[in-house]
Amino acid sequence: MAEAPSIRQFGPADRDVFFALRLRGLETHPAAFGQSYDEAIERGPSQFDSMLSGMRAAEGSFLLGAFSPTDGALVGTVGLMRETRHKERHKGYVIGMYVADQAAGRGVGRALLTALLTRAAQVDGLRQVGLIVTSVNAPARALYESLGFRVYGTEPDALCIGGVFHDADLMVRFMSPQWHPGHGE
C-alpha cells in the first residue's frame, strides 16, 4: 500500500465488515483488546450499532475505518468513546485500535490516530484523550508517544489472557498544549 489509506467514519452499512475485522484482531492479537473473541461472538455485531449510527459522533463518540487505496479493503479501525458522566465529559478514550497484519508498518495506525485526534480537537469541551496499551506492546506505545500521548501510570495484571497476566500502560494526550496536568482550571 504505497498510497495513504482512505479514512472515514463508519456507518450502519459497515457493520459486517467492521465486525469481521474486529473478530480477526481479537483472535490474532488478544492482548491488544479488553474484549475477548468469545465475548465478541456472544454479544454479536449489534453491540456496536449505537456507535455505527453516528448519532453521538459530534459529541465525541465515533468509529473510524482505514480502507486500502488499491482495493478498498478495510485494513484498520479505531474509535473514540467520550465519557458521558458530567464530571468526566472532558475525557475521551481510544478504543478498538487495530491494523490488519497485511497493512502493518505502512502508516495505517498513524493515519487512523491522526484522523481521530483531528476530529477530537473539534469536539466542544473535550480536553483529553486516554488509552490503555499492554506494557509489552512497544511498537504501539512508540506510535502513541510520537503523537503526544504520555504514560501516567501502569496497571499491574490488567488483562488475563489464557491464564497469563499482562500489565497495561495508561496513557493520555491533552488536546490543548497550554493546559497540563495539575494546573487546574
C-alpha atoms as a PDB file:
ATOM      1  CA  MET A   1       0.000   0.000   0.000  1.00  0.00           C
ATOM      2  CA  ALA A   2       2.125   2.871  -1.299  1.00  0.00           C
ATOM      3  CA  GLU A   3      -0.630   5.477  -1.052  1.00  0.00           C
ATOM      4  CA  ALA A   4      -2.195   6.637   2.182  1.00  0.00           C
ATOM      5  CA  PRO A   5      -5.324   4.793   3.240  1.00  0.00           C
ATOM      6  CA  SER A   6      -8.722   6.413   2.966  1.00  0.00           C
ATOM      7  CA  ILE A   7     -10.047   7.186   6.452  1.00  0.00           C
ATOM      8  CA  ARG A   8     -13.744   7.669   7.082  1.00  0.00           C
ATOM      9  CA  GLN A   9     -16.330   7.334   9.804  1.00  0.00           C
ATOM     10  CA  PHE A  10     -18.179   4.040   9.823  1.00  0.00           C
ATOM     11  CA  GLY A  11     -21.913   3.971   9.299  1.00  0.00           C
ATOM     12  CA  PRO A  12     -24.554   1.267   9.816  1.00  0.00           C
ATOM     13  CA  ALA A  13     -23.793  -0.270   6.403  1.00  0.00           C
ATOM     14  CA  ASP A  14     -20.221  -1.007   7.568  1.00  0.00           C
ATOM     15  CA  ARG A  15     -21.310  -3.204  10.467  1.00  0.00           C
ATOM     16  CA  ASP A  16     -20.426  -6.578   8.941  1.00  0.00           C
ATOM     17  CA  VAL A  17     -17.033  -5.590   7.517  1.00  0.00           C
ATOM     18  CA  PHE A  18     -16.125  -3.789  10.764  1.00  0.00           C
ATOM     19  CA  PHE A  19     -17.146  -6.734  12.933  1.00  0.00           C
ATOM     20  CA  ALA A  20     -15.289  -9.231  10.732  1.00  0.00           C
ATOM     21  CA  LEU A  21     -12.045  -7.245  11.051  1.00  0.00           C
ATOM     22  CA  ARG A  22     -12.585  -6.815  14.792  1.00  0.00           C
ATOM     23  CA  LEU A  23     -13.021 -10.567  15.227  1.00  0.00           C
ATOM     24  CA  ARG A  24      -9.831 -11.173  13.260  1.00  0.00           C
ATOM     25  CA  GLY A  25      -7.974  -8.747  15.545  1.00  0.00           C
ATOM     26  CA  LEU A  26      -9.411 -10.294  18.708  1.00  0.00           C
ATOM     27  CA  GLU A  27      -8.377 -13.738  17.524  1.00  0.00           C
ATOM     28  CA  THR A  28      -4.858 -12.920  16.279  1.00  0.00           C
ATOM     29  CA  HIS A  29      -3.890 -10.238  18.836  1.00  0.00           C
ATOM     30  CA  PRO A  30      -5.866 -10.937  22.032  1.00  0.00           C
ATOM     31  CA  ALA A  31      -3.561  -8.808  24.225  1.00  0.00           C
ATOM     32  CA  ALA A  32      -4.444  -5.704  22.185  1.00  0.00           C
ATOM     33  CA  PHE A  33      -8.089  -5.676  23.314  1.00  0.00           C
ATOM     34  CA  GLY A  34     -10.021  -5.734  26.572  1.00  0.00           C
ATOM     35  CA  GLN A  35     -12.771  -7.818  24.979  1.00  0.00           C
ATOM     36  CA  SER A  36     -12.120 -11.483  24.189  1.00  0.00           C
ATOM     37  CA  TYR A  37     -13.015 -13.194  20.935  1.00  0.00           C
ATOM     38  CA  ASP A  38     -15.600 -15.354  22.729  1.00  0.00           C
ATOM     39  CA  GLU A  39     -17.224 -12.305  24.354  1.00  0.00           C
ATOM     40  CA  ALA A  40     -17.449 -10.579  20.974  1.00  0.00           C
ATOM     41  CA  ILE A  41     -19.104 -13.609  19.380  1.00  0.00           C
ATOM     42  CA  GLU A  42     -21.531 -13.865  22.303  1.00  0.00           C
ATOM     43  CA  ARG A  43     -22.508 -10.173  22.139  1.00  0.00           C
ATOM     44  CA  GLY A  44     -22.569 -10.083  18.342  1.00  0.00           C
ATOM     45  CA  PRO A  45     -22.156  -7.169  15.953  1.00  0.00           C
ATOM     46  CA  SER A  46     -25.180  -5.322  17.344  1.00  0.00           C
ATOM     47  CA  GLN A  47     -23.054  -4.223  20.327  1.00  0.00           C
ATOM     48  CA  PHE A  48     -21.651  -1.522  18.024  1.00  0.00           C
ATOM     49  CA  ASP A  49     -24.929  -0.341  16.476  1.00  0.00           C
ATOM     50  CA  SER A  50     -25.129   2.786  18.617  1.00  0.00           C
ATOM     51  CA  MET A  51     -21.654   3.973  17.611  1.00  0.00           C
ATOM     52  CA  LEU A  52     -22.141   2.925  13.988  1.00  0.00           C
ATOM     53  CA  SER A  53     -25.294   5.020  13.811  1.00  0.00           C
ATOM     54  CA  GLY A  54     -23.144   8.140  14.193  1.00  0.00           C
ATOM     55  CA  MET A  55     -25.729   9.764  16.447  1.00  0.00           C
ATOM     56  CA  ARG A  56     -23.089  10.697  19.036  1.00  0.00           C
ATOM     57  CA  ALA A  57     -20.239  11.497  16.632  1.00  0.00           C
ATOM     58  CA  ALA A  58     -20.490  15.273  17.110  1.00  0.00           C
ATOM     59  CA  GLU A  59     -20.365  14.699  20.881  1.00  0.00           C
ATOM     60  CA  GLY A  60     -17.138  12.710  20.562  1.00  0.00           C
ATOM     61  CA  SER A  61     -18.100   9.037  20.190  1.00  0.00           C
ATOM     62  CA  PHE A  62     -17.380   7.523  16.773  1.00  0.00           C
ATOM     63  CA  LEU A  63     -15.659   4.702  14.893  1.00  0.00           C
ATOM     64  CA  LEU A  64     -13.250   5.230  12.004  1.00  0.00           C
ATOM     65  CA  GLY A  65     -12.044   2.817   9.364  1.00  0.00           C
ATOM     66  CA  ALA A  66      -8.950   2.810   7.175  1.00  0.00           C
ATOM     67  CA  PHE A  67      -9.511   1.478   3.674  1.00  0.00           C
ATOM     68  CA  SER A  68      -6.818   0.338   1.252  1.00  0.00           C
ATOM     69  CA  PRO A  69      -6.334   2.752  -1.666  1.00  0.00           C
ATOM     70  CA  THR A  70      -5.683  -0.172  -4.007  1.00  0.00           C
ATOM     71  CA  ASP A  71      -8.687  -2.427  -3.419  1.00  0.00           C
ATOM     72  CA  GLY A  72     -10.886  -0.602  -0.889  1.00  0.00           C
ATOM     73  CA  ALA A  73     -10.499  -3.344   1.711  1.00  0.00           C
ATOM     74  CA  LEU A  74     -10.867  -2.406   5.366  1.00  0.00           C
ATOM     75  CA  VAL A  75      -7.366  -2.579   6.885  1.00  0.00           C
ATOM     76  CA  GLY A  76      -7.726  -0.779  10.213  1.00  0.00           C
ATOM     77  CA  THR A  77     -10.106   0.579  12.818  1.00  0.00           C
ATOM     78  CA  VAL A  78     -10.103   2.955  15.759  1.00  0.00           C
ATOM     79  CA  GLY A  79     -12.769   4.612  17.851  1.00  0.00           C
ATOM     80  CA  LEU A  80     -13.230   7.411  20.309  1.00  0.00           C
ATOM     81  CA  MET A  81     -15.630   6.944  23.193  1.00  0.00           C
ATOM     82  CA  ARG A  82     -16.457  10.104  25.095  1.00  0.00           C
ATOM     83  CA  GLU A  83     -17.196   9.880  28.786  1.00  0.00           C
ATOM     84  CA  THR A  84     -20.880  10.590  29.490  1.00  0.00           C
ATOM     85  CA  ARG A  85     -20.750  11.393  33.214  1.00  0.00           C
ATOM     86  CA  HIS A  86     -20.966  15.161  33.787  1.00  0.00           C
ATOM     87  CA  LYS A  87     -17.794  15.429  35.855  1.00  0.00           C
ATOM     88  CA  GLU A  88     -15.803  13.467  33.264  1.00  0.00           C
ATOM     89  CA  ARG A  89     -17.182  14.717  29.938  1.00  0.00           C
ATOM     90  CA  HIS A  90     -13.870  16.424  29.249  1.00  0.00           C
ATOM     91  CA  LYS A  91     -12.370  12.959  28.604  1.00  0.00           C
ATOM     92  CA  GLY A  92     -12.489  10.583  25.681  1.00  0.00           C
ATOM     93  CA  TYR A  93     -10.891   7.170  25.224  1.00  0.00           C
ATOM     94  CA  VAL A  94      -9.297   5.495  22.226  1.00  0.00           C
ATOM     95  CA  ILE A  95     -10.993   2.136  21.678  1.00  0.00           C
ATOM     96  CA  GLY A  96     -10.605  -0.739  19.250  1.00  0.00           C
ATOM     97  CA  MET A  97      -7.317   0.370  17.675  1.00  0.00           C
ATOM     98  CA  TYR A  98      -6.331  -2.337  15.206  1.00  0.00           C
ATOM     99  CA  VAL A  99      -4.403  -2.572  11.951  1.00  0.00           C
ATOM    100  CA  ALA A 100      -4.598  -5.799   9.948  1.00  0.00           C
ATOM    101  CA  ASP A 101      -1.298  -7.658   9.688  1.00  0.00           C
ATOM    102  CA  GLN A 102      -1.114  -7.175   5.900  1.00  0.00           C
ATOM    103  CA  ALA A 103      -1.170  -3.376   6.393  1.00  0.00           C
ATOM    104  CA  ALA A 104       1.111  -3.185   9.447  1.00  0.00           C
ATOM    105  CA  GLY A 105       4.129  -0.898   9.171  1.00  0.00           C
ATOM    106  CA  ARG A 106       2.620   1.168   6.350  1.00  0.00           C
ATOM    107  CA  GLY A 107       1.380   4.189   8.279  1.00  0.00           C
ATOM    108  CA  VAL A 108      -2.205   2.999   8.694  1.00  0.00           C
ATOM    109  CA  GLY A 109      -2.152   3.243  12.501  1.00  0.00           C
ATOM    110  CA  ARG A 110      -0.674   6.748  12.358  1.00  0.00           C
ATOM    111  CA  ALA A 111      -3.266   7.820   9.767  1.00  0.00           C
ATOM    112  CA  LEU A 112      -6.122   6.460  11.899  1.00  0.00           C
ATOM    113  CA  LEU A 113      -4.921   8.105  15.099  1.00  0.00           C
ATOM    114  CA  THR A 114      -4.171  11.387  13.354  1.00  0.00           C
ATOM    115  CA  ALA A 115      -7.707  11.439  11.950  1.00  0.00           C
ATOM    116  CA  LEU A 116      -9.133  10.577  15.370  1.00  0.00           C
ATOM    117  CA  LEU A 117      -7.142  13.346  17.088  1.00  0.00           C
ATOM    118  CA  THR A 118      -8.091  15.882  14.409  1.00  0.00           C
ATOM    119  CA  ARG A 119     -11.760  15.097  14.962  1.00  0.00           C
ATOM    120  CA  ALA A 120     -11.339  15.029  18.745  1.00  0.00           C
ATOM    121  CA  ALA A 121      -9.852  18.539  18.669  1.00  0.00           C
ATOM    122  CA  GLN A 122     -13.134  19.780  17.147  1.00  0.00           C
ATOM    123  CA  VAL A 123     -15.327  18.308  19.901  1.00  0.00           C
ATOM    124  CA  ASP A 124     -16.565  21.032  22.216  1.00  0.00           C
ATOM    125  CA  GLY A 125     -15.314  20.548  25.774  1.00  0.00           C
ATOM    126  CA  LEU A 126     -13.062  17.559  25.073  1.00  0.00           C
ATOM    127  CA  ARG A 127      -9.757  18.267  26.822  1.00  0.00           C
ATOM    128  CA  GLN A 128      -8.012  14.912  26.926  1.00  0.00           C
ATOM    129  CA  VAL A 129      -7.881  11.571  25.163  1.00  0.00           C
ATOM    130  CA  GLY A 130      -6.729   8.491  27.040  1.00  0.00           C
ATOM    131  CA  LEU A 131      -5.882   4.953  26.092  1.00  0.00           C
ATOM    132  CA  ILE A 132      -4.611   1.710  27.536  1.00  0.00           C
ATOM    133  CA  VAL A 133      -1.868  -0.354  25.891  1.00  0.00           C
ATOM    134  CA  THR A 134      -0.254  -3.557  27.141  1.00  0.00           C
ATOM    135  CA  SER A 135       3.155  -2.696  28.524  1.00  0.00           C
ATOM    136  CA  VAL A 136       4.968  -5.153  26.244  1.00  0.00           C
ATOM    137  CA  ASN A 137       3.491  -3.654  23.053  1.00  0.00           C
ATOM    138  CA  ALA A 138       6.470  -1.396  22.321  1.00  0.00           C
ATOM    139  CA  PRO A 139       5.520  -0.564  18.689  1.00  0.00           C
ATOM    140  CA  ALA A 140       2.039   0.673  19.681  1.00  0.00           C
ATOM    141  CA  ARG A 141       3.401   2.609  22.628  1.00  0.00           C
ATOM    142  CA  ALA A 142       6.027   4.270  20.396  1.00  0.00           C
ATOM    143  CA  LEU A 143       3.312   5.305  17.935  1.00  0.00           C
ATOM    144  CA  TYR A 144       1.166   6.762  20.704  1.00  0.00           C
ATOM    145  CA  GLU A 145       4.119   8.651  22.197  1.00  0.00           C
ATOM    146  CA  SER A 146       5.027  10.064  18.768  1.00  0.00           C
ATOM    147  CA  LEU A 147       1.516  11.552  18.621  1.00  0.00           C
ATOM    148  CA  GLY A 148       1.776  13.214  22.021  1.00  0.00           C
ATOM    149  CA  PHE A 149       0.441  10.559  24.393  1.00  0.00           C
ATOM    150  CA  ARG A 150       2.303  10.154  27.683  1.00  0.00           C
ATOM    151  CA  VAL A 151       2.285   7.324  30.230  1.00  0.00           C
ATOM    152  CA  TYR A 152       0.817   8.406  33.553  1.00  0.00           C
ATOM    153  CA  GLY A 153       0.648   5.018  35.231  1.00  0.00           C
ATOM    154  CA  THR A 154       0.762   1.262  34.864  1.00  0.00           C
ATOM    155  CA  GLU A 155      -1.957  -1.142  35.902  1.00  0.00           C
ATOM    156  CA  PRO A 156      -0.384  -4.426  37.047  1.00  0.00           C
ATOM    157  CA  ASP A 157      -2.080  -7.592  35.784  1.00  0.00           C
ATOM    158  CA  ALA A 158      -4.603  -5.531  33.808  1.00  0.00           C
ATOM    159  CA  LEU A 159      -5.524  -8.362  31.443  1.00  0.00           C
ATOM    160  CA  CYS A 160      -5.586 -12.129  31.926  1.00  0.00           C
ATOM    161  CA  ILE A 161      -5.280 -13.997  28.641  1.00  0.00           C
ATOM    162  CA  GLY A 162      -5.162 -17.764  28.778  1.00  0.00           C
ATOM    163  CA  GLY A 163      -4.032 -17.650  32.387  1.00  0.00           C
ATOM    164  CA  VAL A 164      -1.191 -15.205  31.649  1.00  0.00           C
ATOM    165  CA  PHE A 165      -1.379 -11.731  33.201  1.00  0.00           C
ATOM    166  CA  HIS A 166      -0.346  -8.613  31.285  1.00  0.00           C
ATOM    167  CA  ASP A 167       0.412  -5.162  32.685  1.00  0.00           C
ATOM    168  CA  ALA A 168      -1.057  -2.179  30.855  1.00  0.00           C
ATOM    169  CA  ASP A 169       0.245   1.366  30.485  1.00  0.00           C
ATOM    170  CA  LEU A 170      -2.283   4.158  30.965  1.00  0.00           C
ATOM    171  CA  MET A 171      -1.618   6.986  28.514  1.00  0.00           C
ATOM    172  CA  VAL A 172      -3.132  10.430  27.987  1.00  0.00           C
ATOM    173  CA  ARG A 173      -2.865  13.222  25.443  1.00  0.00           C
ATOM    174  CA  PHE A 174      -4.132  16.690  26.254  1.00  0.00           C
ATOM    175  CA  MET A 175      -5.865  18.466  23.394  1.00  0.00           C
ATOM    176  CA  SER A 176      -4.687  21.941  24.363  1.00  0.00           C
ATOM    177  CA  PRO A 177      -0.933  22.473  24.696  1.00  0.00           C
ATOM    178  CA  GLN A 178      -1.365  25.350  27.166  1.00  0.00           C
ATOM    179  CA  TRP A 179      -3.124  23.093  29.675  1.00  0.00           C
ATOM    180  CA  HIS A 180      -1.122  20.492  31.600  1.00  0.00           C
ATOM    181  CA  PRO A 181      -1.959  18.019  34.347  1.00  0.00           C
ATOM    182  CA  GLY A 182      -2.070  19.577  37.775  1.00  0.00           C
ATOM    183  CA  HIS A 183      -2.618  23.163  36.597  1.00  0.00           C
ATOM    184  CA  GLY A 184      -6.355  23.155  37.326  1.00  0.00           C
ATOM    185  CA  GLU A 185      -8.973  25.269  35.610  1.00  0.00           C
END
